[in-house]
C-alpha cells in the first residue's frame, strides 16, 4: 500500500486511497510508533496498569468461559478479569500484590481438547 520515494533528502510515501494516489511526508512520531501485532487469544494481558488484588486460579486448572481469573485494582477500582473461553491455565506470570504496567502478560492459556 505504501511506497517510499526519496527526493532531495526528503522521503515521500505514496498512499492509495479509493483508487487515488497521494504523496505525503511521514512524521517522526508516526515512524517511531509501536507496530501493531495481532493479539493472541491464548494470552491474558493487562490493558491498564494496576495491582493484583486476588488470584482465583492456579497453573493446570481448566477454567470455563465467564469464570473469574483475577481482580486487578486500578485507580481505586477493582476490575474483574474473566475467562474469555474454556481453556487450561498454562502459566501464571503474576502474584497477589504485584504492581504491573500496561500490556503485561498475566496468564498464558492452552487449548482444551
N, C-alpha and C. Protein backbone atom coordinates (compact mmCIF):
# COMPACT_ATOMS: atom_id res chain seq x y z
N UNK A 1 0.82 -1.18 0.00
CA UNK A 1 0.00 0.00 0.00
C UNK A 1 0.87 1.25 0.00
N UNK A 2 1.90 1.29 0.82
CA UNK A 2 2.74 2.48 0.90
C UNK A 2 4.04 2.23 0.16
N UNK A 3 4.45 3.17 -0.68
CA UNK A 3 5.70 3.06 -1.43
C UNK A 3 6.50 4.31 -1.14
N UNK A 4 7.78 4.13 -0.77
CA UNK A 4 8.61 5.28 -0.40
C UNK A 4 9.42 5.76 -1.59
N UNK A 5 9.57 7.08 -1.69
CA UNK A 5 10.33 7.73 -2.73
C UNK A 5 11.20 8.79 -2.08
N UNK A 6 12.52 8.73 -2.30
CA UNK A 6 13.43 9.68 -1.68
C UNK A 6 13.82 10.75 -2.69
N UNK A 7 13.64 12.00 -2.31
CA UNK A 7 13.92 13.10 -3.23
C UNK A 7 14.47 14.27 -2.44
N UNK A 8 15.67 14.73 -2.78
CA UNK A 8 16.29 15.89 -2.14
C UNK A 8 16.28 15.80 -0.62
N UNK A 9 16.81 14.73 -0.06
CA UNK A 9 16.89 14.49 1.38
C UNK A 9 15.52 14.47 2.07
N UNK A 10 14.46 14.34 1.31
CA UNK A 10 13.12 14.25 1.86
C UNK A 10 12.51 12.95 1.39
N UNK A 11 11.92 12.21 2.29
CA UNK A 11 11.36 10.92 1.94
C UNK A 11 9.84 11.01 1.86
N UNK A 12 9.30 10.84 0.66
CA UNK A 12 7.87 10.87 0.44
C UNK A 12 7.33 9.44 0.45
N UNK A 13 6.10 9.28 0.86
CA UNK A 13 5.45 7.98 0.87
C UNK A 13 4.19 8.06 0.03
N UNK A 14 3.97 7.07 -0.83
CA UNK A 14 2.76 7.01 -1.65
C UNK A 14 1.68 6.25 -0.90
N UNK A 15 0.48 6.79 -0.87
CA UNK A 15 -0.67 6.12 -0.28
C UNK A 15 -1.76 6.06 -1.34
N UNK A 16 -2.44 4.93 -1.40
CA UNK A 16 -3.58 4.79 -2.32
C UNK A 16 -4.85 4.80 -1.48
N UNK A 17 -5.72 5.78 -1.76
CA UNK A 17 -6.99 5.89 -1.05
C UNK A 17 -8.09 5.95 -2.10
N UNK A 18 -8.98 4.99 -2.07
CA UNK A 18 -10.07 4.87 -3.05
C UNK A 18 -9.59 5.13 -4.49
N UNK A 19 -8.58 4.37 -4.88
CA UNK A 19 -8.02 4.37 -6.23
C UNK A 19 -7.32 5.68 -6.62
N UNK A 20 -7.02 6.53 -5.65
CA UNK A 20 -6.25 7.74 -5.92
C UNK A 20 -4.94 7.66 -5.16
N UNK A 21 -3.88 8.15 -5.76
CA UNK A 21 -2.58 8.11 -5.11
C UNK A 21 -2.20 9.49 -4.62
N UNK A 22 -1.63 9.51 -3.40
CA UNK A 22 -1.19 10.75 -2.78
C UNK A 22 0.25 10.58 -2.30
N UNK A 23 1.02 11.65 -2.31
CA UNK A 23 2.37 11.65 -1.74
C UNK A 23 2.32 12.48 -0.46
N UNK A 24 2.98 11.97 0.56
CA UNK A 24 2.97 12.68 1.84
C UNK A 24 4.28 12.46 2.57
N UNK A 25 4.55 13.31 3.52
CA UNK A 25 5.70 13.14 4.41
C UNK A 25 5.21 12.53 5.71
N UNK A 26 5.95 11.57 6.22
CA UNK A 26 5.58 10.93 7.49
C UNK A 26 6.25 11.67 8.63
N UNK A 27 5.53 11.85 9.73
CA UNK A 27 6.10 12.49 10.90
C UNK A 27 6.99 11.51 11.65
N UNK A 28 7.90 12.03 12.46
CA UNK A 28 8.77 11.17 13.27
C UNK A 28 7.93 10.34 14.25
N UNK A 29 6.88 10.95 14.80
CA UNK A 29 6.01 10.24 15.74
C UNK A 29 5.38 9.03 15.05
N UNK A 30 4.93 9.19 13.81
CA UNK A 30 4.34 8.09 13.06
C UNK A 30 5.39 7.01 12.76
N UNK A 31 6.57 7.43 12.35
CA UNK A 31 7.62 6.47 12.03
C UNK A 31 8.10 5.69 13.25
N UNK A 32 8.06 6.31 14.45
CA UNK A 32 8.54 5.66 15.67
C UNK A 32 7.43 4.99 16.48
N UNK A 33 6.23 4.89 15.92
CA UNK A 33 5.11 4.31 16.65
C UNK A 33 5.33 2.82 16.91
N UNK A 34 4.64 2.32 17.91
CA UNK A 34 4.69 0.89 18.20
C UNK A 34 3.90 0.16 17.12
N UNK A 35 4.52 -0.81 16.49
CA UNK A 35 3.88 -1.53 15.40
C UNK A 35 2.82 -2.47 15.98
N UNK A 36 1.63 -2.45 15.39
CA UNK A 36 0.53 -3.27 15.87
C UNK A 36 0.76 -4.72 15.49
N UNK A 37 0.51 -5.63 16.44
CA UNK A 37 0.56 -7.05 16.18
C UNK A 37 -0.77 -7.66 16.58
N UNK A 38 -1.18 -8.67 15.86
CA UNK A 38 -2.45 -9.33 16.15
C UNK A 38 -2.34 -10.03 17.50
N UNK A 39 -3.18 -9.68 18.48
CA UNK A 39 -3.06 -10.29 19.81
C UNK A 39 -3.44 -11.77 19.80
N UNK A 40 -2.73 -12.54 20.60
CA UNK A 40 -3.01 -13.96 20.71
C UNK A 40 -4.18 -14.17 21.68
N UNK A 41 -5.15 -15.00 21.31
CA UNK A 41 -6.26 -15.27 22.23
C UNK A 41 -5.81 -16.10 23.44
N UNK A 42 -4.62 -16.68 23.38
CA UNK A 42 -4.13 -17.52 24.46
C UNK A 42 -3.24 -16.76 25.45
N UNK A 43 -3.22 -15.44 25.38
CA UNK A 43 -2.51 -14.61 26.35
C UNK A 43 -3.50 -13.63 26.98
N UNK A 44 -3.61 -13.66 28.30
CA UNK A 44 -4.43 -12.69 29.01
C UNK A 44 -3.49 -11.56 29.41
N UNK A 45 -3.74 -10.34 28.89
CA UNK A 45 -2.87 -9.20 29.15
C UNK A 45 -3.61 -8.09 29.87
N UNK A 46 -2.84 -7.27 30.57
CA UNK A 46 -3.43 -6.11 31.24
C UNK A 46 -3.51 -4.96 30.25
N UNK A 47 -4.66 -4.31 30.20
CA UNK A 47 -4.82 -3.17 29.31
C UNK A 47 -4.67 -1.86 30.07
N UNK A 48 -4.55 -1.97 31.40
CA UNK A 48 -4.32 -0.81 32.26
C UNK A 48 -3.30 -1.19 33.32
N UNK A 49 -2.51 -0.24 33.82
CA UNK A 49 -1.61 -0.55 34.93
C UNK A 49 -2.40 -0.68 36.22
N UNK A 50 -1.89 -1.49 37.15
CA UNK A 50 -2.59 -1.65 38.42
C UNK A 50 -1.89 -2.64 39.34
N UNK A 51 -2.64 -3.08 40.37
CA UNK A 51 -2.13 -4.01 41.37
C UNK A 51 -3.01 -5.25 41.39
N UNK A 52 -2.39 -6.42 41.45
CA UNK A 52 -3.15 -7.67 41.53
C UNK A 52 -3.64 -7.82 42.97
N UNK A 53 -4.96 -7.85 43.15
CA UNK A 53 -5.57 -7.94 44.48
C UNK A 53 -5.87 -9.38 44.86
N UNK A 54 -6.40 -10.14 43.89
CA UNK A 54 -6.78 -11.52 44.19
C UNK A 54 -6.61 -12.37 42.94
N UNK A 55 -6.20 -13.63 43.13
CA UNK A 55 -5.99 -14.57 42.04
C UNK A 55 -6.83 -15.80 42.34
N UNK A 56 -7.72 -16.19 41.42
CA UNK A 56 -8.66 -17.28 41.67
C UNK A 56 -8.27 -18.60 41.03
N UNK A 57 -7.21 -18.65 40.23
CA UNK A 57 -6.83 -19.87 39.52
C UNK A 57 -5.38 -20.23 39.82
N UNK A 58 -5.01 -21.45 39.46
CA UNK A 58 -3.61 -21.88 39.57
C UNK A 58 -3.24 -22.63 38.29
N UNK A 59 -1.96 -22.81 38.08
CA UNK A 59 -1.49 -23.48 36.87
C UNK A 59 -2.04 -24.90 36.81
N UNK A 60 -2.50 -25.29 35.62
CA UNK A 60 -3.04 -26.62 35.41
C UNK A 60 -4.57 -26.67 35.50
N UNK A 61 -5.19 -25.64 36.03
CA UNK A 61 -6.66 -25.60 36.14
C UNK A 61 -7.28 -25.50 34.74
N UNK A 62 -8.43 -26.14 34.58
CA UNK A 62 -9.24 -25.94 33.39
C UNK A 62 -10.36 -25.00 33.80
N UNK A 63 -10.41 -23.84 33.17
CA UNK A 63 -11.35 -22.79 33.55
C UNK A 63 -12.35 -22.59 32.42
N UNK A 64 -13.63 -22.52 32.78
CA UNK A 64 -14.69 -22.35 31.79
C UNK A 64 -14.91 -20.88 31.47
N UNK A 65 -15.49 -20.64 30.32
CA UNK A 65 -15.80 -19.29 29.86
C UNK A 65 -16.66 -18.55 30.89
N UNK A 66 -16.25 -17.32 31.21
CA UNK A 66 -17.01 -16.48 32.12
C UNK A 66 -16.57 -16.57 33.58
N UNK A 67 -15.77 -17.56 33.94
CA UNK A 67 -15.30 -17.67 35.33
C UNK A 67 -14.24 -16.61 35.60
N UNK A 68 -14.16 -16.17 36.86
CA UNK A 68 -13.19 -15.14 37.23
C UNK A 68 -11.79 -15.70 37.30
N UNK A 69 -10.84 -14.92 36.78
CA UNK A 69 -9.42 -15.28 36.85
C UNK A 69 -8.73 -14.52 37.97
N UNK A 70 -8.96 -13.21 38.02
CA UNK A 70 -8.26 -12.38 39.00
C UNK A 70 -8.97 -11.04 39.15
N UNK A 71 -8.54 -10.29 40.16
CA UNK A 71 -9.01 -8.91 40.35
C UNK A 71 -7.80 -8.00 40.26
N UNK A 72 -7.90 -7.01 39.37
CA UNK A 72 -6.85 -6.02 39.15
C UNK A 72 -7.37 -4.67 39.62
N UNK A 73 -6.70 -4.08 40.61
CA UNK A 73 -7.11 -2.78 41.11
C UNK A 73 -6.35 -1.68 40.37
N UNK A 74 -7.11 -0.74 39.82
CA UNK A 74 -6.52 0.40 39.11
C UNK A 74 -7.34 1.63 39.43
N UNK A 75 -6.69 2.68 39.90
CA UNK A 75 -7.34 3.95 40.23
C UNK A 75 -8.50 3.74 41.22
N UNK A 76 -8.24 2.93 42.25
CA UNK A 76 -9.19 2.64 43.31
C UNK A 76 -10.44 1.90 42.84
N UNK A 77 -10.37 1.29 41.66
CA UNK A 77 -11.48 0.48 41.15
C UNK A 77 -10.99 -0.94 40.98
N UNK A 78 -11.83 -1.89 41.36
CA UNK A 78 -11.47 -3.29 41.20
C UNK A 78 -12.04 -3.83 39.90
N UNK A 79 -11.15 -4.23 39.00
CA UNK A 79 -11.53 -4.76 37.69
C UNK A 79 -11.45 -6.28 37.75
N UNK A 80 -12.55 -6.93 37.48
CA UNK A 80 -12.61 -8.39 37.49
C UNK A 80 -12.29 -8.91 36.09
N UNK A 81 -11.27 -9.72 36.01
CA UNK A 81 -10.85 -10.28 34.72
C UNK A 81 -11.45 -11.67 34.61
N UNK A 82 -12.24 -11.89 33.55
CA UNK A 82 -12.92 -13.16 33.36
C UNK A 82 -12.32 -13.94 32.20
N UNK A 83 -12.55 -15.24 32.23
CA UNK A 83 -12.05 -16.13 31.19
C UNK A 83 -12.85 -15.91 29.91
N UNK A 84 -12.16 -15.64 28.77
CA UNK A 84 -12.88 -15.38 27.52
C UNK A 84 -13.46 -16.64 26.86
N UNK A 85 -12.87 -17.79 27.12
CA UNK A 85 -13.33 -19.07 26.56
C UNK A 85 -12.77 -20.19 27.44
N UNK A 86 -13.26 -21.38 27.28
CA UNK A 86 -12.78 -22.51 28.09
C UNK A 86 -11.37 -22.90 27.64
N UNK A 87 -10.45 -22.96 28.61
CA UNK A 87 -9.05 -23.31 28.32
C UNK A 87 -8.35 -23.74 29.60
N UNK A 88 -7.15 -24.26 29.44
CA UNK A 88 -6.32 -24.70 30.57
C UNK A 88 -5.30 -23.62 30.88
N UNK A 89 -5.06 -23.37 32.17
CA UNK A 89 -4.07 -22.38 32.59
C UNK A 89 -2.68 -23.00 32.42
N UNK A 90 -1.90 -22.46 31.49
CA UNK A 90 -0.55 -22.97 31.21
C UNK A 90 0.46 -22.38 32.17
N UNK A 91 0.44 -21.03 32.32
CA UNK A 91 1.42 -20.37 33.17
C UNK A 91 0.83 -19.08 33.73
N UNK A 92 1.10 -18.81 35.02
CA UNK A 92 0.69 -17.58 35.66
C UNK A 92 1.94 -16.75 35.90
N UNK A 93 1.98 -15.56 35.34
CA UNK A 93 3.18 -14.71 35.39
C UNK A 93 3.11 -13.65 36.49
N UNK A 94 2.11 -13.70 37.35
CA UNK A 94 1.91 -12.68 38.38
C UNK A 94 1.63 -13.33 39.72
N UNK A 95 1.69 -12.52 40.78
CA UNK A 95 1.34 -12.96 42.13
C UNK A 95 0.49 -11.86 42.76
N UNK A 96 -0.24 -12.24 43.80
CA UNK A 96 -1.03 -11.25 44.53
C UNK A 96 -0.09 -10.19 45.10
N UNK A 97 -0.45 -8.92 44.91
CA UNK A 97 0.36 -7.81 45.39
C UNK A 97 1.27 -7.21 44.35
N UNK A 98 1.44 -7.88 43.22
CA UNK A 98 2.30 -7.36 42.15
C UNK A 98 1.70 -6.09 41.56
N UNK A 99 2.55 -5.09 41.33
CA UNK A 99 2.15 -3.87 40.61
C UNK A 99 2.61 -4.07 39.18
N UNK A 100 1.69 -4.00 38.25
CA UNK A 100 2.01 -4.32 36.87
C UNK A 100 1.77 -3.11 35.96
N UNK A 101 2.59 -2.97 34.92
CA UNK A 101 2.35 -1.91 33.93
C UNK A 101 1.35 -2.38 32.87
N UNK A 102 0.97 -1.47 32.01
CA UNK A 102 0.08 -1.77 30.89
C UNK A 102 0.74 -2.79 29.97
N UNK A 103 -0.05 -3.63 29.32
CA UNK A 103 0.39 -4.63 28.34
C UNK A 103 1.25 -5.74 28.93
N UNK A 104 1.09 -6.03 30.22
CA UNK A 104 1.80 -7.14 30.85
C UNK A 104 1.04 -8.44 30.58
N UNK A 105 1.76 -9.50 30.23
CA UNK A 105 1.12 -10.81 30.07
C UNK A 105 0.87 -11.39 31.45
N UNK A 106 -0.39 -11.52 31.82
CA UNK A 106 -0.76 -12.00 33.15
C UNK A 106 -0.80 -13.53 33.19
N UNK A 107 -1.54 -14.11 32.26
CA UNK A 107 -1.77 -15.56 32.25
C UNK A 107 -1.63 -16.08 30.82
N UNK A 108 -0.97 -17.25 30.69
CA UNK A 108 -0.87 -17.92 29.40
C UNK A 108 -1.81 -19.13 29.42
N UNK A 109 -2.49 -19.37 28.31
CA UNK A 109 -3.50 -20.44 28.22
C UNK A 109 -3.10 -21.50 27.21
N UNK A 110 -3.65 -22.68 27.40
CA UNK A 110 -3.52 -23.78 26.44
C UNK A 110 -4.94 -24.20 26.03
N UNK A 111 -5.14 -24.60 24.76
CA UNK A 111 -6.46 -25.07 24.37
C UNK A 111 -6.83 -26.37 25.06
N UNK A 112 -8.12 -26.57 25.27
CA UNK A 112 -8.62 -27.79 25.87
C UNK A 112 -9.16 -28.68 24.77
N UNK A 113 -8.79 -29.95 24.78
CA UNK A 113 -9.24 -30.87 23.74
C UNK A 113 -10.43 -31.66 24.21
